[in-house]
Amino acid sequence: MQRVYPLITAALILIALLLLTSLHPYDRTTWLMEVAPVLIALPVLLYSYQRFPLTTLLYTLLFIHALILITGGAYSYARVPLGYWLQDVLHLGRNPYDKIGHFAQGYVPFILAREILLRGGYLTHRRMTGFISICAVMFVRANYELIEWWSALALGQGADEFLGTQGDPWDTQSDMFFALIGAVCAWLTLTRVHDSQLERMR
């Protein structure tokens, strides 16, 4: 039961932030599209806790990822204050917050895919699991870019805030590249911690 309380607290924090940011987002359509993964994942995680609880590492990463998404939805990715600060400090030509988001969209889903593959018994070889997990991340990322494309076609000019290209013609490619970097970084930095937590769960 002790493990449940932090999860409930995290869920309540996310619900409060969703409600707060929904009041006056920069663009309501953009907010809804950006926080949609949180709106979908949160009830799924709460419902599946009894039957398929995740590692503490993965719950923590999912919480941080949700914060990144909610912040991006509230301001729109091109206008997040943290991004403006990084832009000034690093002397960049654009707000880089969306790249933080895309890095996280590789870093966090890598551990999610790895946990499902290992705990489900689909794979046992650690290196092959890492490779397939990266493939799964990039498959999801490619489909997400297709969703952005479809949104742009459906919404026209109204999709600009959601896409967050900031005039970059190579934004789609760089988004996927940052997701790939995130997945590889997760593979290199978190596998030992993840394996340790998986072993304790067994």
C-alpha atoms as a PDB file:
ATOM      1  CA  MET A   1       0.000   0.000   0.000  1.00  0.00           C
ATOM      2  CA  GLN A   2       2.909   2.378   0.647  1.00  0.00           C
ATOM      3  CA  ARG A   3       3.707   2.358  -3.071  1.00  0.00           C
ATOM      4  CA  VAL A   4       0.145   3.371  -3.962  1.00  0.00           C
ATOM      5  CA  TYR A   5       0.159   6.708  -2.146  1.00  0.00           C
ATOM      6  CA  PRO A   6       2.886   8.367  -4.279  1.00  0.00           C
ATOM      7  CA  LEU A   7       1.072   7.204  -7.409  1.00  0.00           C
ATOM      8  CA  ILE A   8      -2.228   8.659  -6.204  1.00  0.00           C
ATOM      9  CA  THR A   9      -0.453  11.906  -5.296  1.00  0.00           C
ATOM     10  CA  ALA A  10       1.163  12.066  -8.760  1.00  0.00           C
ATOM     11  CA  ALA A  11      -2.188  11.415 -10.441  1.00  0.00           C
ATOM     12  CA  LEU A  12      -3.877  14.160  -8.405  1.00  0.00           C
ATOM     13  CA  ILE A  13      -1.081  16.610  -9.289  1.00  0.00           C
ATOM     14  CA  LEU A  14      -1.507  15.856 -12.992  1.00  0.00           C
ATOM     15  CA  ILE A  15      -5.294  16.197 -12.800  1.00  0.00           C
ATOM     16  CA  ALA A  16      -4.928  19.540 -11.012  1.00  0.00           C
ATOM     17  CA  LEU A  17      -2.459  20.772 -13.644  1.00  0.00           C
ATOM     18  CA  LEU A  18      -4.732  19.637 -16.459  1.00  0.00           C
ATOM     19  CA  LEU A  19      -7.641  21.531 -14.939  1.00  0.00           C
ATOM     20  CA  LEU A  20      -5.524  24.617 -14.260  1.00  0.00           C
ATOM     21  CA  THR A  21      -3.973  24.788 -17.721  1.00  0.00           C
ATOM     22  CA  SER A  22      -7.331  24.172 -19.388  1.00  0.00           C
ATOM     23  CA  LEU A  23      -8.688  27.464 -18.037  1.00  0.00           C
ATOM     24  CA  HIS A  24      -6.603  29.859 -20.133  1.00  0.00           C
ATOM     25  CA  PRO A  25      -4.249  28.008 -22.501  1.00  0.00           C
ATOM     26  CA  TYR A  26      -2.522  29.950 -25.263  1.00  0.00           C
ATOM     27  CA  ASP A  27      -4.626  28.035 -27.805  1.00  0.00           C
ATOM     28  CA  ARG A  28      -7.335  25.630 -26.667  1.00  0.00           C
ATOM     29  CA  THR A  29      -7.120  23.320 -29.690  1.00  0.00           C
ATOM     30  CA  THR A  30      -3.353  23.088 -29.291  1.00  0.00           C
ATOM     31  CA  TRP A  31      -3.743  22.415 -25.565  1.00  0.00           C
ATOM     32  CA  LEU A  32      -6.173  19.559 -26.212  1.00  0.00           C
ATOM     33  CA  MET A  33      -3.989  17.963 -28.864  1.00  0.00           C
ATOM     34  CA  GLU A  34      -0.828  18.243 -26.766  1.00  0.00           C
ATOM     35  CA  VAL A  35      -2.306  16.867 -23.530  1.00  0.00           C
ATOM     36  CA  ALA A  36      -4.325  14.135 -25.276  1.00  0.00           C
ATOM     37  CA  PRO A  37      -1.665  11.474 -24.466  1.00  0.00           C
ATOM     38  CA  VAL A  38      -1.962  12.370 -20.766  1.00  0.00           C
ATOM     39  CA  LEU A  39      -5.758  12.272 -20.890  1.00  0.00           C
ATOM     40  CA  ILE A  40      -5.577   8.799 -22.440  1.00  0.00           C
ATOM     41  CA  ALA A  41      -2.690   7.334 -20.433  1.00  0.00           C
ATOM     42  CA  LEU A  42      -3.714   8.495 -16.956  1.00  0.00           C
ATOM     43  CA  PRO A  43      -6.954   6.466 -16.674  1.00  0.00           C
ATOM     44  CA  VAL A  44      -5.276   3.481 -18.360  1.00  0.00           C
ATOM     45  CA  LEU A  45      -2.439   3.516 -15.802  1.00  0.00           C
ATOM     46  CA  LEU A  46      -4.851   3.847 -12.896  1.00  0.00           C
ATOM     47  CA  TYR A  47      -7.042   1.028 -14.223  1.00  0.00           C
ATOM     48  CA  SER A  48      -4.129  -1.325 -14.947  1.00  0.00           C
ATOM     49  CA  TYR A  49      -2.287  -0.787 -11.653  1.00  0.00           C
ATOM     50  CA  GLN A  50      -3.713  -3.868  -9.945  1.00  0.00           C
ATOM     51  CA  ARG A  51      -3.177  -6.229 -12.870  1.00  0.00           C
ATOM     52  CA  PHE A  52       0.045  -4.833 -14.338  1.00  0.00           C
ATOM     53  CA  PRO A  53       1.861  -2.410 -12.026  1.00  0.00           C
ATOM     54  CA  LEU A  54       4.884  -0.770 -13.600  1.00  0.00           C
ATOM     55  CA  THR A  55       8.323  -0.192 -12.130  1.00  0.00           C
ATOM     56  CA  THR A  56       8.893   2.918 -10.026  1.00  0.00           C
ATOM     57  CA  LEU A  57      11.358   4.117 -12.665  1.00  0.00           C
ATOM     58  CA  LEU A  58       8.749   3.961 -15.410  1.00  0.00           C
ATOM     59  CA  TYR A  59       6.047   5.652 -13.312  1.00  0.00           C
ATOM     60  CA  THR A  60       8.514   8.454 -12.529  1.00  0.00           C
ATOM     61  CA  LEU A  61       9.457   8.900 -16.186  1.00  0.00           C
ATOM     62  CA  LEU A  62       5.810   8.931 -17.259  1.00  0.00           C
ATOM     63  CA  PHE A  63       5.052  11.613 -14.666  1.00  0.00           C
ATOM     64  CA  ILE A  64       7.900  13.828 -15.903  1.00  0.00           C
ATOM     65  CA  HIS A  65       6.828  13.269 -19.495  1.00  0.00           C
ATOM     66  CA  ALA A  66       3.282  14.277 -18.611  1.00  0.00           C
ATOM     67  CA  LEU A  67       4.595  17.522 -17.080  1.00  0.00           C
ATOM     68  CA  ILE A  68       6.480  18.272 -20.316  1.00  0.00           C
ATOM     69  CA  LEU A  69       3.344  17.666 -22.392  1.00  0.00           C
ATOM     70  CA  ILE A  70       1.069  19.722 -20.148  1.00  0.00           C
ATOM     71  CA  THR A  71       3.532  22.631 -20.135  1.00  0.00           C
ATOM     72  CA  GLY A  72       3.786  22.498 -23.913  1.00  0.00           C
ATOM     73  CA  GLY A  73       0.018  22.439 -24.193  1.00  0.00           C
ATOM     74  CA  ALA A  74      -0.450  25.396 -21.866  1.00  0.00           C
ATOM     75  CA  TYR A  75       1.977  27.752 -23.620  1.00  0.00           C
ATOM     76  CA  SER A  76       2.319  26.003 -27.012  1.00  0.00           C
ATOM     77  CA  TYR A  77       5.764  24.522 -27.510  1.00  0.00           C
ATOM     78  CA  ALA A  78       7.175  27.529 -29.356  1.00  0.00           C
ATOM     79  CA  ARG A  79       6.326  29.852 -26.429  1.00  0.00           C
ATOM     80  CA  VAL A  80       7.340  27.938 -23.294  1.00  0.00           C
ATOM     81  CA  PRO A  81       9.391  30.310 -21.044  1.00  0.00           C
ATOM     82  CA  LEU A  82      12.010  27.630 -20.302  1.00  0.00           C
ATOM     83  CA  GLY A  83      12.606  27.369 -24.034  1.00  0.00           C
ATOM     84  CA  TYR A  84      13.096  31.124 -24.360  1.00  0.00           C
ATOM     85  CA  TRP A  85      15.635  30.988 -21.528  1.00  0.00           C
ATOM     86  CA  LEU A  86      17.537  28.162 -23.234  1.00  0.00           C
ATOM     87  CA  GLN A  87      17.361  30.052 -26.515  1.00  0.00           C
ATOM     88  CA  ASP A  88      19.071  33.045 -24.908  1.00  0.00           C
ATOM     89  CA  VAL A  89      21.647  31.029 -22.978  1.00  0.00           C
ATOM     90  CA  LEU A  90      22.617  28.817 -25.923  1.00  0.00           C
ATOM     91  CA  HIS A  91      22.235  31.586 -28.531  1.00  0.00           C
ATOM     92  CA  LEU A  92      19.799  29.552 -30.609  1.00  0.00           C
ATOM     93  CA  GLY A  93      17.681  30.813 -33.452  1.00  0.00           C
ATOM     94  CA  ARG A  94      14.445  29.300 -32.100  1.00  0.00           C
ATOM     95  CA  ASN A  95      12.746  28.162 -28.917  1.00  0.00           C
ATOM     96  CA  PRO A  96      14.063  24.599 -28.386  1.00  0.00           C
ATOM     97  CA  TYR A  97      11.397  23.392 -25.940  1.00  0.00           C
ATOM     98  CA  ASP A  98       9.751  21.182 -28.577  1.00  0.00           C
ATOM     99  CA  LYS A  99      13.072  19.351 -28.975  1.00  0.00           C
ATOM    100  CA  ILE A 100      13.027  18.632 -25.236  1.00  0.00           C
ATOM    101  CA  GLY A 101       9.573  17.166 -25.776  1.00  0.00           C
ATOM    102  CA  HIS A 102      10.693  15.008 -28.681  1.00  0.00           C
ATOM    103  CA  PHE A 103      13.764  13.824 -26.775  1.00  0.00           C
ATOM    104  CA  ALA A 104      11.412  12.741 -23.974  1.00  0.00           C
ATOM    105  CA  GLN A 105       9.198  11.019 -26.547  1.00  0.00           C
ATOM    106  CA  GLY A 106      12.139   8.741 -27.240  1.00  0.00           C
ATOM    107  CA  TYR A 107      13.589   8.497 -23.742  1.00  0.00           C
ATOM    108  CA  VAL A 108      10.430   7.538 -21.859  1.00  0.00           C
ATOM    109  CA  PRO A 109       8.684   5.240 -24.391  1.00  0.00           C
ATOM    110  CA  PHE A 110      11.927   3.263 -24.748  1.00  0.00           C
ATOM    111  CA  ILE A 111      11.639   2.131 -21.126  1.00  0.00           C
ATOM    112  CA  LEU A 112       7.905   1.497 -21.560  1.00  0.00           C
ATOM    113  CA  ALA A 113       8.515  -0.719 -24.606  1.00  0.00           C
ATOM    114  CA  ARG A 114      11.400  -2.484 -22.876  1.00  0.00           C
ATOM    115  CA  GLU A 115       9.325  -3.205 -19.785  1.00  0.00           C
ATOM    116  CA  ILE A 116       6.435  -4.635 -21.796  1.00  0.00           C
ATOM    117  CA  LEU A 117       8.747  -6.801 -23.919  1.00  0.00           C
ATOM    118  CA  LEU A 118      10.684  -8.211 -20.965  1.00  0.00           C
ATOM    119  CA  ARG A 119       7.844  -8.702 -18.508  1.00  0.00           C
ATOM    120  CA  GLY A 120       5.584 -10.160 -21.164  1.00  0.00           C
ATOM    121  CA  GLY A 121       8.243 -12.727 -22.041  1.00  0.00           C
ATOM    122  CA  TYR A 122       8.305 -11.635 -25.679  1.00  0.00           C
ATOM    123  CA  LEU A 123      12.092 -11.220 -25.586  1.00  0.00           C
ATOM    124  CA  THR A 124      14.810 -12.269 -23.171  1.00  0.00           C
ATOM    125  CA  HIS A 125      18.037 -11.189 -24.896  1.00  0.00           C
ATOM    126  CA  ARG A 126      18.842  -7.749 -23.482  1.00  0.00           C
ATOM    127  CA  ARG A 127      20.555  -6.297 -26.570  1.00  0.00           C
ATOM    128  CA  MET A 128      17.828  -7.472 -28.915  1.00  0.00           C
ATOM    129  CA  THR A 129      15.248  -6.061 -26.514  1.00  0.00           C
ATOM    130  CA  GLY A 130      17.005  -2.699 -26.648  1.00  0.00           C
ATOM    131  CA  PHE A 131      17.074  -2.744 -30.452  1.00  0.00           C
ATOM    132  CA  ILE A 132      13.401  -3.719 -30.767  1.00  0.00           C
ATOM    133  CA  SER A 133      12.446  -1.103 -28.172  1.00  0.00           C
ATOM    134  CA  ILE A 134      14.137   1.595 -30.267  1.00  0.00           C
ATOM    135  CA  CYS A 135      12.322   0.276 -33.345  1.00  0.00           C
ATOM    136  CA  ALA A 136       9.014   0.487 -31.453  1.00  0.00           C
ATOM    137  CA  VAL A 137       9.764   4.065 -30.366  1.00  0.00           C
ATOM    138  CA  MET A 138      10.555   5.138 -33.917  1.00  0.00           C
ATOM    139  CA  PHE A 139       7.451   3.394 -35.273  1.00  0.00           C
ATOM    140  CA  VAL A 140       5.277   5.341 -32.835  1.00  0.00           C
ATOM    141  CA  ARG A 141       7.162   8.572 -33.606  1.00  0.00           C
ATOM    142  CA  ALA A 142       6.666   8.121 -37.359  1.00  0.00           C
ATOM    143  CA  ASN A 143       2.938   7.616 -36.830  1.00  0.00           C
ATOM    144  CA  TYR A 144       2.806  10.693 -34.585  1.00  0.00           C
ATOM    145  CA  GLU A 145       4.393  12.752 -37.357  1.00  0.00           C
ATOM    146  CA  LEU A 146       1.709  11.422 -39.712  1.00  0.00           C
ATOM    147  CA  ILE A 147      -0.941  12.544 -37.219  1.00  0.00           C
ATOM    148  CA  GLU A 148       0.641  16.001 -37.207  1.00  0.00           C
ATOM    149  CA  TRP A 149       0.533  16.022 -41.004  1.00  0.00           C
ATOM    150  CA  TRP A 150      -3.131  14.983 -41.043  1.00  0.00           C
ATOM    151  CA  SER A 151      -3.872  17.667 -38.442  1.00  0.00           C
ATOM    152  CA  ALA A 152      -2.169  20.270 -40.601  1.00  0.00           C
ATOM    153  CA  LEU A 153      -4.295  19.239 -43.563  1.00  0.00           C
ATOM    154  CA  ALA A 154      -7.500  19.263 -41.501  1.00  0.00           C
ATOM    155  CA  LEU A 155      -6.905  22.468 -39.538  1.00  0.00           C
ATOM    156  CA  GLY A 156      -4.932  24.420 -42.101  1.00  0.00           C
ATOM    157  CA  GLN A 157      -3.322  27.492 -40.557  1.00  0.00           C
ATOM    158  CA  GLY A 158      -4.773  26.548 -37.162  1.00  0.00           C
ATOM    159  CA  ALA A 159      -2.306  23.659 -36.894  1.00  0.00           C
ATOM    160  CA  ASP A 160       0.748  25.929 -36.749  1.00  0.00           C
ATOM    161  CA  GLU A 161       0.838  26.050 -32.933  1.00  0.00           C
ATOM    162  CA  PHE A 162       0.437  22.283 -32.666  1.00  0.00           C
ATOM    163  CA  LEU A 163       3.179  21.595 -35.221  1.00  0.00           C
ATOM    164  CA  GLY A 164       5.565  24.133 -33.663  1.00  0.00           C
ATOM    165  CA  THR A 165       7.806  24.162 -36.736  1.00  0.00           C
ATOM    166  CA  GLN A 166       8.815  27.803 -36.212  1.00  0.00           C
ATOM    167  CA  GLY A 167       9.603  28.064 -39.915  1.00  0.00           C
ATOM    168  CA  ASP A 168      11.974  25.065 -39.965  1.00  0.00           C
ATOM    169  CA  PRO A 169      11.432  22.996 -43.154  1.00  0.00           C
ATOM    170  CA  TRP A 170      13.295  20.064 -41.573  1.00  0.00           C
ATOM    171  CA  ASP A 171      11.303  20.082 -38.332  1.00  0.00           C
ATOM    172  CA  THR A 172       9.766  16.632 -38.890  1.00  0.00           C
ATOM    173  CA  GLN A 173      13.150  15.024 -39.495  1.00  0.00           C
ATOM    174  CA  SER A 174      14.790  16.732 -36.519  1.00  0.00           C
ATOM    175  CA  ASP A 175      11.849  15.749 -34.288  1.00  0.00           C
ATOM    176  CA  MET A 176      12.369  12.103 -35.139  1.00  0.00           C
ATOM    177  CA  PHE A 177      16.138  12.456 -34.738  1.00  0.00           C
ATOM    178  CA  PHE A 178      15.736  13.860 -31.214  1.00  0.00           C
ATOM    179  CA  ALA A 179      13.395  10.985 -30.360  1.00  0.00           C
ATOM    180  CA  LEU A 180      16.045   8.549 -31.608  1.00  0.00           C
ATOM    181  CA  ILE A 181      18.695  10.285 -29.487  1.00  0.00           C
ATOM    182  CA  GLY A 182      16.370  10.063 -26.478  1.00  0.00           C
ATOM    183  CA  ALA A 183      15.786   6.328 -26.987  1.00  0.00           C
ATOM    184  CA  VAL A 184      19.509   5.606 -27.361  1.00  0.00           C
ATOM    185  CA  CYS A 185      20.303   7.698 -24.264  1.00  0.00           C
ATOM    186  CA  ALA A 186      17.712   5.768 -22.258  1.00  0.00           C
ATOM    187  CA  TRP A 187      19.280   2.512 -23.450  1.00  0.00           C
ATOM    188  CA  LEU A 188      22.745   3.660 -22.362  1.00  0.00           C
ATOM    189  CA  THR A 189      21.798   5.245 -19.020  1.00  0.00           C
ATOM    190  CA  LEU A 190      18.798   3.427 -17.559  1.00  0.00           C
ATOM    191  CA  THR A 191      19.000  -0.266 -18.431  1.00  0.00           C
ATOM    192  CA  ARG A 192      20.892  -1.299 -15.272  1.00  0.00           C
ATOM    193  CA  VAL A 193      18.473   0.552 -12.990  1.00  0.00           C
ATOM    194  CA  HIS A 194      15.546  -0.809 -14.961  1.00  0.00           C
ATOM    195  CA  ASP A 195      16.841  -4.386 -14.809  1.00  0.00           C
ATOM    196  CA  SER A 196      17.329  -4.058 -11.042  1.00  0.00           C
ATOM    197  CA  GLN A 197      13.747  -2.891 -10.532  1.00  0.00           C
ATOM    198  CA  LEU A 198      12.379  -5.588 -12.837  1.00  0.00           C
ATOM    199  CA  GLU A 199      14.267  -8.208 -10.856  1.00  0.00           C
ATOM    200  CA  ARG A 200      12.788  -6.956  -7.574  1.00  0.00           C
ATOM    201  CA  MET A 201       9.290  -7.114  -9.069  1.00  0.00           C
ATOM    202  CA  ARG A 202       9.807 -10.797  -9.881  1.00  0.00           C
END
